[in-house]
Amino acid sequence: MKKLLVCIVMVIPVVFFANVWQAFRYDSIRREVLALEREQHRLLEQNKRAIAGIGALSSPVRLIELAADLELERVRRDRLIRVDITQQGAAGGR
C-alpha cells in the first residue's frame, strides 16, 4: 500500500507538468494559427485590390481614352509587317 501511495504521489506532479506543457503548446499553436489567418486575410484583400486594379487599367474605355490622349491612330493593314520566327533545334539550327 505504501508503494502505491508513493507512486501516486510521484505521478501527480508529472501529470500536472504534462497538462501545463500541453496547454502551453496548444496556446502557442493557436496564436500561430491566428497570425497565419490574419496574414491570409491580408493577402486575399491585397489580391482583390490587384485584380480590381488590373481590370480598371485594362478596360477598353480606358485604353481608348489613353490612345486619344497620346494622339495615337490605328495602323492600316497595309502598313503592318508580320514577322514569323520559327524555333530552330538546339543543335545550332541543323
Protein backbone atom coordinates (compact mmCIF):
# COMPACT_ATOMS: atom_id res chain seq x y z
CA MET A 1 0.00 0.00 0.00
CA LYS A 2 2.85 2.35 0.83
CA LYS A 3 4.48 1.75 -2.60
CA LEU A 4 1.21 2.56 -4.34
CA LEU A 5 0.89 5.80 -2.40
CA VAL A 6 4.49 6.77 -3.25
CA CYS A 7 3.84 6.04 -6.96
CA ILE A 8 0.69 8.13 -6.94
CA VAL A 9 2.48 11.00 -5.18
CA MET A 10 5.26 10.87 -7.79
CA VAL A 11 2.90 10.62 -10.77
CA ILE A 12 0.74 13.60 -9.79
CA PRO A 13 3.45 16.25 -10.46
CA VAL A 14 4.36 14.54 -13.75
CA VAL A 15 0.73 14.57 -14.89
CA PHE A 16 0.37 18.18 -13.76
CA PHE A 17 3.53 19.17 -15.67
CA ALA A 18 2.30 17.31 -18.78
CA ASN A 19 -1.03 19.12 -18.56
CA VAL A 20 0.64 22.53 -18.27
CA TRP A 21 3.04 21.73 -21.10
CA GLN A 22 0.16 20.61 -23.35
CA ALA A 23 -1.77 23.81 -22.57
CA PHE A 24 1.31 25.88 -23.44
CA ARG A 25 1.73 24.04 -26.76
CA TYR A 26 -1.97 24.47 -27.56
CA ASP A 27 -1.82 28.19 -26.84
CA SER A 28 1.30 28.76 -28.94
CA ILE A 29 -0.19 26.83 -31.87
CA ARG A 30 -3.45 28.77 -31.52
CA ARG A 31 -1.55 32.07 -31.67
CA GLU A 32 0.37 30.89 -34.71
CA VAL A 33 -2.85 29.85 -36.48
CA LEU A 34 -4.42 33.24 -35.72
CA ALA A 35 -1.38 35.04 -37.12
CA LEU A 36 -1.50 32.90 -40.26
CA GLU A 37 -5.22 33.57 -40.68
CA ARG A 38 -4.61 37.33 -40.40
CA GLU A 39 -1.81 37.08 -42.97
CA GLN A 40 -4.06 35.05 -45.29
CA HIS A 41 -6.84 37.63 -44.98
CA ARG A 42 -4.37 40.46 -45.68
CA LEU A 43 -3.04 38.67 -48.77
CA LEU A 44 -6.55 37.94 -50.06
CA GLU A 45 -7.51 41.61 -49.73
CA GLN A 46 -4.29 42.66 -51.45
CA ASN A 47 -5.03 40.18 -54.24
CA LYS A 48 -8.57 41.53 -54.65
CA ARG A 49 -7.22 45.08 -54.95
CA ALA A 50 -4.63 43.98 -57.51
CA ILE A 51 -7.25 42.18 -59.61
CA ALA A 52 -9.52 45.24 -59.48
CA GLY A 53 -6.59 47.44 -60.50
CA ILE A 54 -5.74 45.19 -63.42
CA GLY A 55 -9.37 45.24 -64.52
CA ALA A 56 -9.50 49.01 -64.36
CA LEU A 57 -6.20 49.50 -66.17
CA SER A 58 -7.03 47.10 -68.98
CA SER A 59 -10.59 48.24 -69.63
CA PRO A 60 -11.26 49.13 -73.28
CA VAL A 61 -12.69 52.53 -72.34
CA ARG A 62 -9.51 53.48 -70.50
CA LEU A 63 -7.32 52.27 -73.37
CA ILE A 64 -9.34 54.28 -75.90
CA GLU A 65 -9.06 57.40 -73.73
CA LEU A 66 -5.32 56.84 -73.27
CA ALA A 67 -4.83 56.41 -77.02
CA ALA A 68 -6.77 59.63 -77.64
CA ASP A 69 -4.69 61.50 -75.04
CA LEU A 70 -1.48 60.29 -76.69
CA GLU A 71 -2.89 61.09 -80.13
CA LEU A 72 -2.38 57.53 -81.33
CA GLU A 73 -4.01 56.33 -84.51
CA ARG A 74 -4.91 52.86 -85.69
CA VAL A 75 -2.40 51.37 -88.08
CA ARG A 76 -3.72 50.49 -91.52
CA ARG A 77 -3.46 46.85 -92.55
CA ASP A 78 -1.20 47.65 -95.49
CA ARG A 79 1.35 49.17 -93.09
CA LEU A 80 1.56 46.09 -90.88
CA ILE A 81 4.57 43.82 -91.15
CA ARG A 82 4.19 40.29 -89.86
CA VAL A 83 7.33 38.51 -88.71
CA ASP A 84 7.23 34.76 -88.15
CA ILE A 85 10.02 33.35 -86.05
CA THR A 86 10.43 29.61 -86.24
CA GLN A 87 12.34 27.99 -83.45
CA GLN A 88 15.43 26.12 -84.61
CA GLY A 89 16.68 22.94 -82.99
CA ALA A 90 19.08 23.04 -80.07
CA ALA A 91 21.93 21.66 -82.26
CA GLY A 92 22.72 25.02 -83.86
CA GLY A 93 19.97 25.14 -86.48
CA ARG A 94 20.67 21.92 -88.34
